[in-house]
Amino acid sequence: MNKVYTTACVIVPPKEFSEPIQEIRKKYDKQFKRWMPHINLIYPFRPIEYFSDLKNKFCEMCQNIESFTVNLNVFRFFQHNRQNYTIWLDPEPKELIKRLQAKLVKIIPDCNDLNNFENGYTPHLSVGQVKGKLNLLKTIELLQRQWKEISFALKKIHFISRENVKDSSFSIVQEIPLKE
């Protein structure tokens, strides 16, 4: 079966928590217009024409997964090469997000690309990219000092999609509720 880079299964923080994240992303994230604030669970994902069938399977799985609170408090980074870094918020509890992701990947096991990194799947909410180690350290220190923790109840996950054209943006297509 095929998978595409124009769809994903994600956690999207509720809109009322978007503003502080978007303020940071607007300044630092080159993908600000393409992606809403999100935590990838499965990416790449199935083409949008499969969403209806997948929704039923995901709903069935998610009815056995209790909703939980996600906290966004600490900034971390990935290093891509000597001087390029991605800054991200570290969602907690990481283990519950990892378990959620592992259960969802069982539905479409060939869409496990996020698990293929050296350290496996790392839940994260990207907020930007910077060049240079000194710039990275200064930026993280500044962001951390100004940040006020965000906590939200994770009650649903989302299927998102975008057009396969250069400047298209992702939007939510399906919502899948977790057990409350």
Protein backbone atom coordinates (compact mmCIF):
# COMPACT_ATOMS: atom_id res chain seq x y z
CA MET A 1 0.00 0.00 0.00
CA ASN A 2 1.24 3.53 -0.64
CA LYS A 3 2.08 6.35 1.75
CA VAL A 4 2.42 10.06 1.03
CA TYR A 5 4.05 13.15 2.54
CA THR A 6 0.88 15.23 2.12
CA THR A 7 -0.96 13.54 4.99
CA ALA A 8 -0.20 12.66 8.62
CA CYS A 9 -1.77 11.40 11.83
CA VAL A 10 -1.00 13.94 14.56
CA ILE A 11 -1.74 15.41 17.96
CA VAL A 12 -2.85 19.04 17.60
CA PRO A 13 -2.96 21.12 20.78
CA PRO A 14 -6.35 22.82 21.25
CA LYS A 15 -6.62 26.23 19.55
CA GLU A 16 -6.63 28.11 22.85
CA PHE A 17 -3.00 26.99 23.38
CA SER A 18 -1.76 27.79 19.88
CA GLU A 19 -0.86 31.46 20.30
CA PRO A 20 2.33 31.14 22.40
CA ILE A 21 3.55 28.28 20.20
CA GLN A 22 2.75 30.20 17.02
CA GLU A 23 4.57 33.31 18.25
CA ILE A 24 7.76 31.24 18.49
CA ARG A 25 7.16 29.38 15.24
CA LYS A 26 6.48 32.60 13.33
CA LYS A 27 9.95 33.80 14.27
CA TYR A 28 11.95 30.56 14.00
CA ASP A 29 10.10 27.93 11.92
CA LYS A 30 10.51 27.89 8.15
CA GLN A 31 7.50 25.50 8.01
CA PHE A 32 5.25 27.92 9.94
CA LYS A 33 2.76 28.26 7.08
CA ARG A 34 2.77 24.59 6.04
CA TRP A 35 2.11 22.93 9.43
CA MET A 36 -0.10 23.87 12.39
CA PRO A 37 1.44 23.21 15.85
CA HIS A 38 1.48 19.42 16.07
CA ILE A 39 3.14 16.24 17.31
CA ASN A 40 3.51 13.67 14.54
CA LEU A 41 2.26 10.18 15.35
CA ILE A 42 2.44 8.76 11.81
CA TYR A 43 4.18 10.50 8.92
CA PRO A 44 4.16 9.84 6.02
CA PHE A 45 0.61 8.51 6.07
CA ARG A 46 -1.97 7.07 3.68
CA PRO A 47 -3.47 9.22 0.89
CA ILE A 48 -6.60 11.14 1.85
CA GLU A 49 -8.87 8.80 -0.14
CA TYR A 50 -8.14 6.11 2.52
CA PHE A 51 -9.17 8.32 5.46
CA SER A 52 -12.76 7.04 5.71
CA ASP A 53 -11.70 3.41 5.98
CA LEU A 54 -8.84 4.26 8.32
CA LYS A 55 -11.06 6.35 10.58
CA ASN A 56 -13.10 3.28 11.54
CA LYS A 57 -9.96 1.26 12.39
CA PHE A 58 -8.40 4.14 14.32
CA CYS A 59 -11.66 4.84 16.20
CA GLU A 60 -11.86 1.19 17.25
CA MET A 61 -8.26 1.27 18.54
CA CYS A 62 -8.62 4.68 20.22
CA GLN A 63 -11.72 3.64 22.15
CA ASN A 64 -9.34 1.47 24.20
CA ILE A 65 -6.87 4.29 24.86
CA GLU A 66 -7.63 6.56 27.82
CA SER A 67 -7.32 10.30 27.27
CA PHE A 68 -4.50 11.92 29.25
CA THR A 69 -2.94 15.30 29.94
CA VAL A 70 -0.03 16.48 27.79
CA ASN A 71 2.44 19.01 29.21
CA LEU A 72 4.68 21.20 27.06
CA ASN A 73 7.33 22.75 29.29
CA VAL A 74 10.90 21.99 28.17
CA PHE A 75 12.69 22.95 24.94
CA ARG A 76 15.12 20.45 23.41
CA PHE A 77 16.86 20.12 20.06
CA PHE A 78 17.86 17.74 17.30
CA GLN A 79 21.20 18.24 15.58
CA HIS A 80 21.06 17.64 11.82
CA ASN A 81 24.68 18.32 10.96
CA ARG A 82 27.48 20.37 12.48
CA GLN A 83 25.61 23.69 12.46
CA ASN A 84 21.89 22.99 11.82
CA TYR A 85 19.42 22.34 14.64
CA THR A 86 15.69 21.93 15.15
CA ILE A 87 14.28 23.28 18.43
CA TRP A 88 11.25 21.50 19.85
CA LEU A 89 8.98 21.28 22.86
CA ASP A 90 9.26 17.96 24.68
CA PRO A 91 5.74 16.63 25.36
CA GLU A 92 5.20 14.75 28.60
CA PRO A 93 4.27 12.05 29.46
CA LYS A 94 6.46 10.81 26.65
CA GLU A 95 5.81 7.14 27.41
CA LEU A 96 2.03 7.48 26.99
CA ILE A 97 2.50 9.23 23.63
CA LYS A 98 4.94 6.50 22.55
CA ARG A 99 2.44 3.80 23.54
CA LEU A 100 -0.33 5.59 21.64
CA GLN A 101 1.88 5.85 18.56
CA ALA A 102 2.93 2.17 18.78
CA LYS A 103 -0.71 1.04 18.88
CA LEU A 104 -1.63 3.22 15.90
CA VAL A 105 1.30 2.02 13.81
CA LYS A 106 0.04 -1.56 14.27
CA ILE A 107 -2.95 -0.57 12.10
CA ILE A 108 -0.67 0.44 9.21
CA PRO A 109 2.74 -1.10 10.00
CA ASP A 110 4.41 0.02 6.77
CA CYS A 111 3.90 3.67 7.84
CA ASN A 112 6.45 3.35 10.64
CA ASP A 113 8.99 5.85 9.26
CA LEU A 114 9.10 7.81 12.54
CA ASN A 115 10.28 4.66 14.32
CA ASN A 116 13.27 4.24 12.00
CA PHE A 117 15.46 6.95 13.56
CA GLU A 118 18.49 5.89 15.58
CA ASN A 119 16.66 6.40 18.89
CA GLY A 120 13.28 5.27 17.59
CA TYR A 121 10.16 7.41 17.77
CA THR A 122 10.69 10.70 19.65
CA PRO A 123 7.48 12.65 20.31
CA HIS A 124 8.15 16.36 19.77
CA LEU A 125 6.50 19.62 18.76
CA SER A 126 8.88 21.51 16.47
CA VAL A 127 9.08 25.27 16.99
CA GLY A 128 11.97 26.25 14.73
CA GLN A 129 15.34 25.82 13.17
CA VAL A 130 18.59 27.63 13.95
CA LYS A 131 22.16 27.58 12.67
CA GLY A 132 25.18 27.51 14.96
CA LYS A 133 25.68 25.98 18.40
CA LEU A 134 26.01 29.33 20.18
CA ASN A 135 22.83 30.63 18.52
CA LEU A 136 21.07 27.38 19.50
CA LEU A 137 22.05 27.69 23.16
CA LYS A 138 21.10 31.37 23.34
CA THR A 139 17.75 30.73 21.64
CA ILE A 140 16.81 27.81 23.88
CA GLU A 141 17.81 29.75 26.99
CA LEU A 142 15.69 32.73 25.88
CA LEU A 143 12.68 30.58 24.95
CA GLN A 144 12.86 28.60 28.19
CA ARG A 145 13.07 31.76 30.32
CA GLN A 146 9.98 33.28 28.64
CA TRP A 147 7.92 30.09 28.38
CA LYS A 148 4.86 29.33 30.51
CA GLU A 149 3.99 25.65 30.62
CA ILE A 150 1.03 24.50 28.54
CA SER A 151 -1.09 21.55 29.68
CA PHE A 152 -4.01 20.17 27.73
CA ALA A 153 -6.23 17.11 27.81
CA LEU A 154 -5.45 14.86 24.85
CA LYS A 155 -8.98 13.78 23.92
CA LYS A 156 -8.49 13.20 20.19
CA ILE A 157 -5.97 12.70 17.45
CA HIS A 158 -6.22 14.07 13.91
CA PHE A 159 -5.76 13.07 10.30
CA ILE A 160 -4.40 16.07 8.40
CA SER A 161 -3.83 16.67 4.71
CA ARG A 162 -2.55 19.28 2.29
CA GLU A 163 -2.55 19.72 -1.49
CA ASN A 164 0.48 18.38 -3.31
CA VAL A 165 1.62 21.87 -4.38
CA LYS A 166 4.49 24.04 -3.17
CA ASP A 167 2.79 26.49 -0.80
CA SER A 168 -0.10 24.37 0.47
CA SER A 169 -0.89 24.11 4.19
CA PHE A 170 -2.08 21.16 6.23
CA SER A 171 -5.61 21.21 7.59
CA ILE A 172 -7.55 18.84 9.80
CA VAL A 173 -9.67 16.35 7.86
CA GLN A 174 -10.69 13.80 10.53
CA GLU A 175 -10.81 13.76 14.34
CA ILE A 176 -10.51 10.48 16.20
CA PRO A 177 -11.66 10.53 19.86
CA LEU A 178 -9.81 8.75 22.64
CA LYS A 179 -11.64 7.01 25.48
CA GLU A 180 -12.79 9.52 28.11
